[in-house]
C-alpha atoms as a PDB file:
ATOM      1  CA  MET A   1    -229.956 145.345  10.683  1.00  0.00           C
ATOM      2  CA  GLY A   2    -229.180 149.085  12.182  1.00  0.00           C
ATOM      3  CA  LYS A   3    -227.966 150.130   8.731  1.00  0.00           C
ATOM      4  CA  THR A   4    -231.054 148.746   7.130  1.00  0.00           C
ATOM      5  CA  LEU A   5    -233.329 150.430   9.487  1.00  0.00           C
ATOM      6  CA  TYR A   6    -231.403 153.866   8.734  1.00  0.00           C
ATOM      7  CA  VAL A   7    -231.957 153.716   4.943  1.00  0.00           C
ATOM      8  CA  LEU A   8    -235.467 152.734   5.313  1.00  0.00           C
ATOM      9  CA  LEU A   9    -236.233 155.440   7.486  1.00  0.00           C
ATOM     10  CA  PHE A  10    -234.004 158.240   5.959  1.00  0.00           C
ATOM     11  CA  TYR A  11    -233.350 157.197   2.325  1.00  0.00           C
ATOM     12  CA  SER A  12    -236.499 155.903   1.185  1.00  0.00           C
ATOM     13  CA  ASN A  13    -239.927 157.114   0.392  1.00  0.00           C
ATOM     14  CA  LEU A  14    -241.356 154.947   3.613  1.00  0.00           C
ATOM     15  CA  HIS A  15    -240.381 157.787   6.071  1.00  0.00           C
ATOM     16  CA  ASP A  16    -243.663 159.592   6.423  1.00  0.00           C
ATOM     17  CA  SER A  17    -245.588 155.898   6.175  1.00  0.00           C
ATOM     18  CA  ILE A  18    -243.249 154.343   9.127  1.00  0.00           C
ATOM     19  CA  TYR A  19    -243.678 157.924  11.169  1.00  0.00           C
ATOM     20  CA  THR A  20    -247.431 157.775  10.744  1.00  0.00           C
ATOM     21  CA  PHE A  21    -247.815 153.992  11.670  1.00  0.00           C
ATOM     22  CA  SER A  22    -245.543 154.789  14.628  1.00  0.00           C
ATOM     23  CA  LEU A  23    -248.027 157.630  15.943  1.00  0.00           C
ATOM     24  CA  LYS A  24    -251.026 155.333  15.414  1.00  0.00           C
ATOM     25  CA  HIS A  25    -249.620 151.910  16.840  1.00  0.00           C
ATOM     26  CA  PRO A  26    -248.174 152.216  20.155  1.00  0.00           C
ATOM     27  CA  HIS A  27    -245.063 149.767  20.591  1.00  0.00           C
ATOM     28  CA  THR A  28    -245.673 147.002  23.034  1.00  0.00           C
ATOM     29  CA  GLY A  29    -243.147 144.412  21.944  1.00  0.00           C
ATOM     30  CA  SER A  30    -245.440 141.902  20.410  1.00  0.00           C
ATOM     31  CA  ARG A  31    -244.751 140.853  16.774  1.00  0.00           C
ATOM     32  CA  SER A  32    -248.727 141.582  16.621  1.00  0.00           C
ATOM     33  CA  ASP A  33    -247.824 145.100  16.737  1.00  0.00           C
ATOM     34  CA  TYR A  34    -246.682 145.142  13.305  1.00  0.00           C
ATOM     35  CA  ASN A  35    -247.751 141.774  11.895  1.00  0.00           C
ATOM     36  CA  SER A  36    -251.091 140.898  13.235  1.00  0.00           C
ATOM     37  CA  ASP A  37    -252.358 138.754  10.421  1.00  0.00           C
ATOM     38  CA  ILE A  38    -249.917 136.113  12.013  1.00  0.00           C
ATOM     39  CA  PHE A  39    -249.141 137.253  15.510  1.00  0.00           C
ATOM     40  CA  THR A  40    -251.381 137.946  18.369  1.00  0.00           C
ATOM     41  CA  LYS A  41    -250.801 139.250  21.875  1.00  0.00           C
ATOM     42  CA  ASN A  42    -254.133 136.767  22.832  1.00  0.00           C
ATOM     43  CA  ARG A  43    -252.296 133.593  24.259  1.00  0.00           C
ATOM     44  CA  ASN A  44    -255.766 131.581  23.500  1.00  0.00           C
ATOM     45  CA  HIS A  45    -256.242 132.179  20.003  1.00  0.00           C
ATOM     46  CA  SER A  46    -255.606 129.166  17.838  1.00  0.00           C
ATOM     47  CA  LYS A  47    -254.924 130.627  14.648  1.00  0.00           C
ATOM     48  CA  LYS A  48    -252.273 132.758  15.058  1.00  0.00           C
ATOM     49  CA  LEU A  49    -248.943 132.694  16.794  1.00  0.00           C
ATOM     50  CA  TYR A  50    -248.757 134.122  20.277  1.00  0.00           C
ATOM     51  CA  SER A  51    -246.529 136.962  20.995  1.00  0.00           C
ATOM     52  CA  PRO A  52    -246.781 138.321  24.344  1.00  0.00           C
ATOM     53  CA  THR A  53    -245.904 141.960  24.910  1.00  0.00           C
ATOM     54  CA  LEU A  54    -242.928 142.959  27.003  1.00  0.00           C
ATOM     55  CA  ASN A  55    -244.650 143.834  29.952  1.00  0.00           C
ATOM     56  CA  MET A  56    -246.193 140.258  29.876  1.00  0.00           C
ATOM     57  CA  SER A  57    -242.579 138.724  29.509  1.00  0.00           C
ATOM     58  CA  TRP A  58    -240.365 140.619  31.500  1.00  0.00           C
ATOM     59  CA  GLY A  59    -240.858 142.885  34.385  1.00  0.00           C
ATOM     60  CA  ASP A  60    -239.459 146.389  34.905  1.00  0.00           C
ATOM     61  CA  ARG A  61    -235.697 146.159  35.536  1.00  0.00           C
ATOM     62  CA  VAL A  62    -233.454 148.773  37.287  1.00  0.00           C
ATOM     63  CA  HIS A  63    -229.976 148.713  35.490  1.00  0.00           C
ATOM     64  CA  LEU A  64    -227.218 150.172  37.347  1.00  0.00           C
ATOM     65  CA  PHE A  65    -224.770 150.349  34.638  1.00  0.00           C
ATOM     66  CA  LEU A  66    -226.484 153.244  32.827  1.00  0.00           C
ATOM     67  CA  ARG A  67    -224.424 156.098  31.450  1.00  0.00           C
ATOM     68  CA  LYS A  68    -225.257 159.590  32.347  1.00  0.00           C
ATOM     69  CA  ASP A  69    -222.431 161.166  30.224  1.00  0.00           C
ATOM     70  CA  GLU A  70    -223.140 161.929  26.383  1.00  0.00           C
ATOM     71  CA  TRP A  71    -222.258 158.794  24.293  1.00  0.00           C
ATOM     72  CA  PHE A  72    -221.957 160.579  20.916  1.00  0.00           C
ATOM     73  CA  GLU A  73    -218.487 162.163  20.744  1.00  0.00           C
ATOM     74  CA  ASP A  74    -217.135 162.109  17.088  1.00  0.00           C
ATOM     75  CA  ALA A  75    -218.856 162.391  13.773  1.00  0.00           C
ATOM     76  CA  SER A  76    -216.212 160.567  12.060  1.00  0.00           C
ATOM     77  CA  ILE A  77    -217.899 157.270  12.883  1.00  0.00           C
ATOM     78  CA  PHE A  78    -220.360 157.923   9.805  1.00  0.00           C
ATOM     79  CA  SER A  79    -217.476 157.446   7.483  1.00  0.00           C
ATOM     80  CA  LEU A  80    -217.474 153.577   8.504  1.00  0.00           C
ATOM     81  CA  LEU A  81    -221.012 153.109   7.768  1.00  0.00           C
ATOM     82  CA  GLU A  82    -220.314 154.063   4.243  1.00  0.00           C
ATOM     83  CA  SER A  83    -218.245 150.712   3.660  1.00  0.00           C
ATOM     84  CA  ILE A  84    -221.318 148.766   4.843  1.00  0.00           C
ATOM     85  CA  PRO A  85    -223.954 147.957   2.764  1.00  0.00           C
ATOM     86  CA  ALA A  86    -227.332 147.947   3.763  1.00  0.00           C
ATOM     87  CA  SER A  87    -229.184 144.566   3.457  1.00  0.00           C
ATOM     88  CA  SER A  88    -232.237 144.320   1.416  1.00  0.00           C
ATOM     89  CA  VAL A  89    -235.394 144.065   3.254  1.00  0.00           C
ATOM     90  CA  LYS A  90    -236.995 140.359   3.166  1.00  0.00           C
ATOM     91  CA  LYS A  91    -239.955 139.045   4.424  1.00  0.00           C
ATOM     92  CA  ILE A  92    -239.510 136.278   6.851  1.00  0.00           C
ATOM     93  CA  PRO A  93    -241.763 133.398   5.071  1.00  0.00           C
ATOM     94  CA  LEU A  94    -244.534 132.133   7.407  1.00  0.00           C
ATOM     95  CA  GLN A  95    -242.863 128.614   7.845  1.00  0.00           C
ATOM     96  CA  HIS A  96    -239.921 130.168   9.749  1.00  0.00           C
ATOM     97  CA  HIS A  97    -242.707 131.519  12.172  1.00  0.00           C
ATOM     98  CA  LEU A  98    -244.054 128.343  12.738  1.00  0.00           C
ATOM     99  CA  LYS A  99    -240.828 126.607  13.510  1.00  0.00           C
ATOM    100  CA  VAL A 100    -239.965 129.223  15.840  1.00  0.00           C
ATOM    101  CA  GLN A 101    -243.333 128.840  17.761  1.00  0.00           C
ATOM    102  CA  SER A 102    -243.210 124.782  17.645  1.00  0.00           C
ATOM    103  CA  ALA A 103    -239.613 125.278  19.266  1.00  0.00           C
ATOM    104  CA  ILE A 104    -241.073 127.618  21.826  1.00  0.00           C
ATOM    105  CA  LYS A 105    -244.011 125.163  22.758  1.00  0.00           C
ATOM    106  CA  ALA A 106    -241.587 122.311  23.075  1.00  0.00           C
ATOM    107  CA  ALA A 107    -239.198 123.928  25.125  1.00  0.00           C
ATOM    108  CA  ASN A 108    -242.394 125.169  27.373  1.00  0.00           C
ATOM    109  CA  PRO A 109    -244.916 122.566  27.212  1.00  0.00           C
ATOM    110  CA  PHE A 110    -246.956 123.785  30.430  1.00  0.00           C
ATOM    111  CA  SER A 111    -247.319 127.374  29.456  1.00  0.00           C
END
């Protein structure tokens, strides 16, 4: 997934469009940020799948394991990436989203 994202951002003609989109759409963690035809942040919307924001799903957390030093130490790691093929980008079918939403509702019937 990371390599696919890297290829999309830096080795495709989509960079400018992705950059412009990111400036105009603040990231909330909801799938509705990038696919508002199918997802919504509104729990009461009956025709779209509910996808809450991160703040609505999880509170702020303090992690005690944060590294304060520089993590990047050796550029030779990039040669390893060359052997990994970037997967093709595929659109996730609506049926998959509906199955996921059904499973969520089944697991949380009173939410």
